Amino acid sequence: MLYLFPSPIPLWLQIGAIAGWLGGVLLLAEILRRWRGESELVRKVVHIGTGNILFLAWGLRIPLWVCLIACISFSIIAYISYYQPILPMLNSVGRKTLGVFYYAVSITCLVAWFWSINLPEYAVVGVLVMAWGDGLAALVGQRWGKHRYEFMNNKKSWEGSLAMLIIGYVVTAFVLAIANGMSLSTWLIPLPVAIVATTLEAISPGGTDNLTVPLASGFLCYGLVEIVGMLGS
């Protein structure tokens, strides 16, 4: 199990570390917004950067109640931002959806369940698959996506979906390797997780992939590990 420190550190240092990371992400986003002026790139930097906060929370052993306060607050702010532009850098370019709110809700659900049963790694899987997979898939598709397809008004590229598949696999394997070691299941389980995540990212309408992908990835990974554990016992 990965911990950034061998023993628990004071709560104020834990919160300070998370606040410092978030501040760095927002500062980088603002620099990119002013320097490059590419709002989609800025949005994805924030999307990926905020997703990594859960990985830090796992490594820092931040308790459930602190995580829930932060997640619920983010959900409320994200919902208000749908109606009032208080988080303009997080909102989608050229389309108005509740995607950011769904992202916050999915994180809250994963934290509430997996932190409470002392298996935070599966919450981390769900969020990182969405953060890195969806974030980089969108950038890959935007820059190199030449082969387009559409499902229920969802316009995607095969290049972007392939990036989502590969990154989803790598992220899941990475987290499982940290949590459970280098067993065979560590390399096999990420494949169905990545396939399901990629499929849901392609077919979920109106920003709902921010809800379906993290929840499906986290719970599917947990279920598969449990099944493999029962078969091996």
Protein backbone atom coordinates (compact mmCIF):
# COMPACT_ATOMS: atom_id res chain seq x y z
CA MET A 1 0.00 0.00 0.00
CA LEU A 2 1.39 3.40 -1.00
CA TYR A 3 1.71 6.11 1.60
CA LEU A 4 3.68 9.27 0.98
CA PHE A 5 4.83 9.24 4.61
CA PRO A 6 5.66 6.20 6.79
CA SER A 7 3.37 7.44 9.57
CA PRO A 8 0.33 9.74 9.63
CA ILE A 9 1.11 13.45 9.52
CA PRO A 10 -0.91 16.23 11.23
CA LEU A 11 -4.23 17.01 9.61
CA TRP A 12 -3.29 20.64 8.95
CA LEU A 13 -0.28 19.46 6.92
CA GLN A 14 -2.47 17.03 4.98
CA ILE A 15 -4.93 19.78 4.10
CA GLY A 16 -2.10 22.17 3.35
CA ALA A 17 -0.55 19.72 0.91
CA ILE A 18 -3.85 19.28 -0.93
CA ALA A 19 -4.46 23.03 -0.97
CA GLY A 20 -0.96 23.59 -2.30
CA TRP A 21 -1.49 21.07 -5.10
CA LEU A 22 -4.85 22.58 -6.04
CA GLY A 23 -3.37 26.07 -5.99
CA GLY A 24 -0.56 24.91 -8.28
CA VAL A 25 -3.04 23.37 -10.73
CA LEU A 26 -5.13 26.54 -10.86
CA LEU A 27 -2.03 28.70 -11.25
CA LEU A 28 -0.81 26.54 -14.16
CA ALA A 29 -4.26 26.72 -15.74
CA GLU A 30 -4.31 30.50 -15.46
CA ILE A 31 -0.81 30.76 -16.97
CA LEU A 32 -1.87 28.57 -19.89
CA ARG A 33 -5.06 30.57 -20.36
CA ARG A 34 -3.12 33.81 -20.60
CA TRP A 35 -0.21 32.40 -22.62
CA ARG A 36 -1.87 29.96 -24.98
CA GLY A 37 -5.49 31.06 -24.89
CA GLU A 38 -6.67 27.48 -25.55
CA SER A 39 -9.67 27.06 -23.26
CA GLU A 40 -10.02 23.33 -23.96
CA LEU A 41 -6.39 22.71 -22.96
CA VAL A 42 -6.88 24.75 -19.80
CA ARG A 43 -10.03 22.81 -18.92
CA LYS A 44 -8.26 19.47 -19.34
CA VAL A 45 -5.30 20.58 -17.21
CA VAL A 46 -7.74 21.38 -14.40
CA HIS A 47 -9.67 18.15 -15.08
CA ILE A 48 -6.54 16.00 -14.75
CA GLY A 49 -4.98 18.03 -11.95
CA THR A 50 -8.04 17.95 -9.71
CA GLY A 51 -8.44 14.21 -10.31
CA ASN A 52 -4.94 13.63 -8.95
CA ILE A 53 -5.99 15.15 -5.63
CA LEU A 54 -7.67 11.85 -4.73
CA PHE A 55 -4.39 10.01 -5.32
CA LEU A 56 -2.71 12.45 -2.93
CA ALA A 57 -5.51 12.02 -0.40
CA TRP A 58 -4.88 8.26 -0.50
CA GLY A 59 -1.14 8.66 -0.07
CA LEU A 60 -1.52 11.21 2.72
CA ARG A 61 -4.14 9.09 4.56
CA ILE A 62 -6.63 11.94 4.68
CA PRO A 63 -9.68 10.78 6.69
CA LEU A 64 -13.12 10.18 5.22
CA TRP A 65 -14.83 13.15 6.86
CA VAL A 66 -12.33 15.62 5.42
CA CYS A 67 -12.64 14.08 1.95
CA LEU A 68 -16.43 14.19 2.11
CA ILE A 69 -16.52 17.84 3.15
CA ALA A 70 -14.24 18.71 0.23
CA CYS A 71 -16.19 16.55 -2.25
CA ILE A 72 -19.60 17.87 -1.24
CA SER A 73 -18.33 21.45 -1.35
CA PHE A 74 -16.93 20.86 -4.84
CA SER A 75 -20.25 19.36 -5.93
CA ILE A 76 -22.18 22.39 -4.70
CA ILE A 77 -19.77 24.82 -6.36
CA ALA A 78 -19.86 22.84 -9.61
CA TYR A 79 -23.65 22.85 -9.66
CA ILE A 80 -23.83 26.59 -9.03
CA SER A 81 -21.21 27.10 -11.75
CA TYR A 82 -23.59 25.55 -14.26
CA TYR A 83 -25.87 28.56 -13.79
CA GLN A 84 -23.32 31.20 -12.75
CA PRO A 85 -19.82 31.38 -14.32
CA ILE A 86 -17.86 31.02 -11.09
CA LEU A 87 -15.69 28.23 -12.56
CA PRO A 88 -15.32 29.33 -16.19
CA MET A 89 -12.12 27.36 -16.77
CA LEU A 90 -13.90 24.08 -15.94
CA ASN A 91 -16.87 24.46 -18.22
CA SER A 92 -16.92 22.79 -21.60
CA VAL A 93 -16.07 24.76 -24.67
CA GLY A 94 -18.96 25.29 -27.03
CA ARG A 95 -21.40 23.14 -25.04
CA LYS A 96 -23.20 23.65 -21.76
CA THR A 97 -23.55 20.50 -19.68
CA LEU A 98 -23.54 19.39 -16.06
CA GLY A 99 -20.34 17.45 -16.69
CA VAL A 100 -18.33 19.12 -13.94
CA PHE A 101 -21.14 18.52 -11.46
CA TYR A 102 -21.34 14.85 -12.50
CA TYR A 103 -17.57 14.58 -12.03
CA ALA A 104 -17.85 15.95 -8.50
CA VAL A 105 -20.79 13.66 -7.66
CA SER A 106 -18.94 10.57 -8.91
CA ILE A 107 -15.91 11.44 -6.79
CA THR A 108 -18.15 11.95 -3.76
CA CYS A 109 -19.85 8.57 -4.25
CA LEU A 110 -16.57 6.72 -4.71
CA VAL A 111 -14.98 8.34 -1.67
CA ALA A 112 -18.05 7.75 0.51
CA TRP A 113 -18.10 4.05 -0.32
CA PHE A 114 -14.47 3.00 -0.65
CA TRP A 115 -12.96 5.20 2.06
CA SER A 116 -15.59 3.87 4.46
CA ILE A 117 -14.60 0.23 3.82
CA ASN A 118 -10.88 1.06 3.92
CA LEU A 119 -10.31 0.32 0.23
CA PRO A 120 -9.56 3.80 -1.11
CA GLU A 121 -7.54 2.46 -4.03
CA TYR A 122 -10.72 1.63 -5.95
CA ALA A 123 -11.97 5.19 -5.62
CA VAL A 124 -8.58 6.28 -6.93
CA VAL A 125 -8.91 3.90 -9.89
CA GLY A 126 -12.30 5.30 -10.84
CA VAL A 127 -11.23 8.94 -10.64
CA LEU A 128 -7.84 8.54 -12.31
CA VAL A 129 -9.28 6.57 -15.22
CA MET A 130 -11.64 9.48 -15.83
CA ALA A 131 -9.12 12.23 -15.10
CA TRP A 132 -6.23 10.92 -17.22
CA GLY A 133 -8.15 8.77 -19.67
CA ASP A 134 -10.86 11.23 -20.65
CA GLY A 135 -8.57 14.23 -20.33
CA LEU A 136 -5.82 12.95 -22.62
CA ALA A 137 -8.26 11.20 -24.97
CA ALA A 138 -9.93 14.55 -25.66
CA LEU A 139 -6.59 16.22 -26.38
CA VAL A 140 -5.41 13.34 -28.59
CA GLY A 141 -8.69 13.33 -30.49
CA GLN A 142 -8.60 17.08 -30.93
CA ARG A 143 -5.04 17.12 -32.27
CA TRP A 144 -4.65 13.80 -34.09
CA GLY A 145 -8.20 12.50 -34.46
CA LYS A 146 -8.67 11.90 -38.19
CA HIS A 147 -11.07 8.93 -38.05
CA ARG A 148 -14.36 10.14 -36.61
CA TYR A 149 -17.43 8.30 -35.45
CA GLU A 150 -20.68 9.36 -33.83
CA PHE A 151 -23.06 7.68 -31.39
CA MET A 152 -26.25 9.44 -30.28
CA ASN A 153 -24.81 12.86 -31.13
CA ASN A 154 -21.57 11.99 -29.32
CA LYS A 155 -18.78 12.88 -31.76
CA LYS A 156 -15.57 11.00 -31.05
CA SER A 157 -12.45 9.81 -32.85
CA TRP A 158 -10.94 6.34 -32.91
CA GLU A 159 -7.57 7.86 -32.02
CA GLY A 160 -9.04 9.46 -28.90
CA SER A 161 -10.84 6.26 -27.90
CA LEU A 162 -7.62 4.27 -28.34
CA ALA A 163 -5.85 6.76 -26.08
CA MET A 164 -8.64 6.32 -23.51
CA LEU A 165 -8.25 2.53 -23.67
CA ILE A 166 -4.47 2.57 -23.24
CA ILE A 167 -4.43 5.18 -20.49
CA GLY A 168 -7.30 3.51 -18.65
CA TYR A 169 -5.37 0.24 -18.65
CA VAL A 170 -2.10 1.85 -17.51
CA VAL A 171 -3.73 3.88 -14.73
CA THR A 172 -5.66 0.89 -13.37
CA ALA A 173 -2.61 -1.38 -13.47
CA PHE A 174 -0.52 1.30 -11.76
CA VAL A 175 -2.93 1.67 -8.84
CA LEU A 176 -3.46 -2.09 -8.47
CA ALA A 177 0.30 -2.67 -8.50
CA ILE A 178 0.70 -0.21 -5.64
CA ALA A 179 -2.23 -1.62 -3.65
CA ASN A 180 -1.98 -5.36 -4.34
CA GLY A 181 1.49 -6.00 -5.73
CA MET A 182 2.64 -7.46 -9.04
CA SER A 183 0.26 -10.41 -9.32
CA LEU A 184 -1.21 -11.75 -12.56
CA SER A 185 -4.56 -10.16 -11.78
CA THR A 186 -2.83 -6.78 -11.60
CA TRP A 187 -2.16 -7.03 -15.33
CA LEU A 188 -5.38 -8.81 -16.38
CA ILE A 189 -8.08 -6.91 -14.49
CA PRO A 190 -7.22 -3.49 -15.98
CA LEU A 191 -8.17 -4.69 -19.48
CA PRO A 192 -11.93 -5.14 -18.92
CA VAL A 193 -11.93 -1.99 -16.78
CA ALA A 194 -10.35 -0.01 -19.61
CA ILE A 195 -12.71 -1.49 -22.22
CA VAL A 196 -15.81 -0.64 -20.19
CA ALA A 197 -14.52 2.86 -19.42
CA THR A 198 -13.73 3.53 -23.07
CA THR A 199 -17.16 2.30 -24.17
CA LEU A 200 -18.97 4.43 -21.61
CA GLU A 201 -16.90 7.47 -22.49
CA ALA A 202 -17.98 7.03 -26.11
CA ILE A 203 -21.71 6.47 -25.57
CA SER A 204 -22.60 8.52 -22.47
CA PRO A 205 -24.47 11.66 -23.56
CA GLY A 206 -24.30 15.22 -22.33
CA GLY A 207 -21.32 15.02 -19.99
CA THR A 208 -22.69 11.97 -18.15
CA ASP A 209 -19.42 10.14 -18.90
CA ASN A 210 -18.09 12.09 -15.91
CA LEU A 211 -20.53 10.04 -13.85
CA THR A 212 -20.60 6.67 -15.61
CA VAL A 213 -16.89 6.21 -16.27
CA PRO A 214 -15.53 6.80 -12.72
CA LEU A 215 -18.29 4.80 -11.01
CA ALA A 216 -18.12 1.88 -13.43
CA SER A 217 -14.30 1.79 -13.37
CA GLY A 218 -14.04 1.88 -9.58
CA PHE A 219 -16.78 -0.64 -8.83
CA LEU A 220 -15.89 -2.98 -11.70
CA CYS A 221 -12.25 -3.07 -10.61
CA TYR A 222 -13.31 -3.78 -7.03
CA GLY A 223 -15.70 -6.52 -8.12
CA LEU A 224 -13.15 -8.23 -10.34
CA VAL A 225 -10.49 -8.20 -7.63
CA GLU A 226 -12.98 -9.69 -5.17
CA ILE A 227 -13.95 -12.44 -7.64
CA VAL A 228 -10.32 -13.29 -8.36
CA GLY A 229 -9.65 -13.38 -4.62
CA MET A 230 -12.54 -15.80 -4.00
CA LEU A 231 -11.46 -18.05 -6.88
CA GLY A 232 -7.92 -18.14 -5.56
CA SER A 233 -8.89 -18.97 -1.98
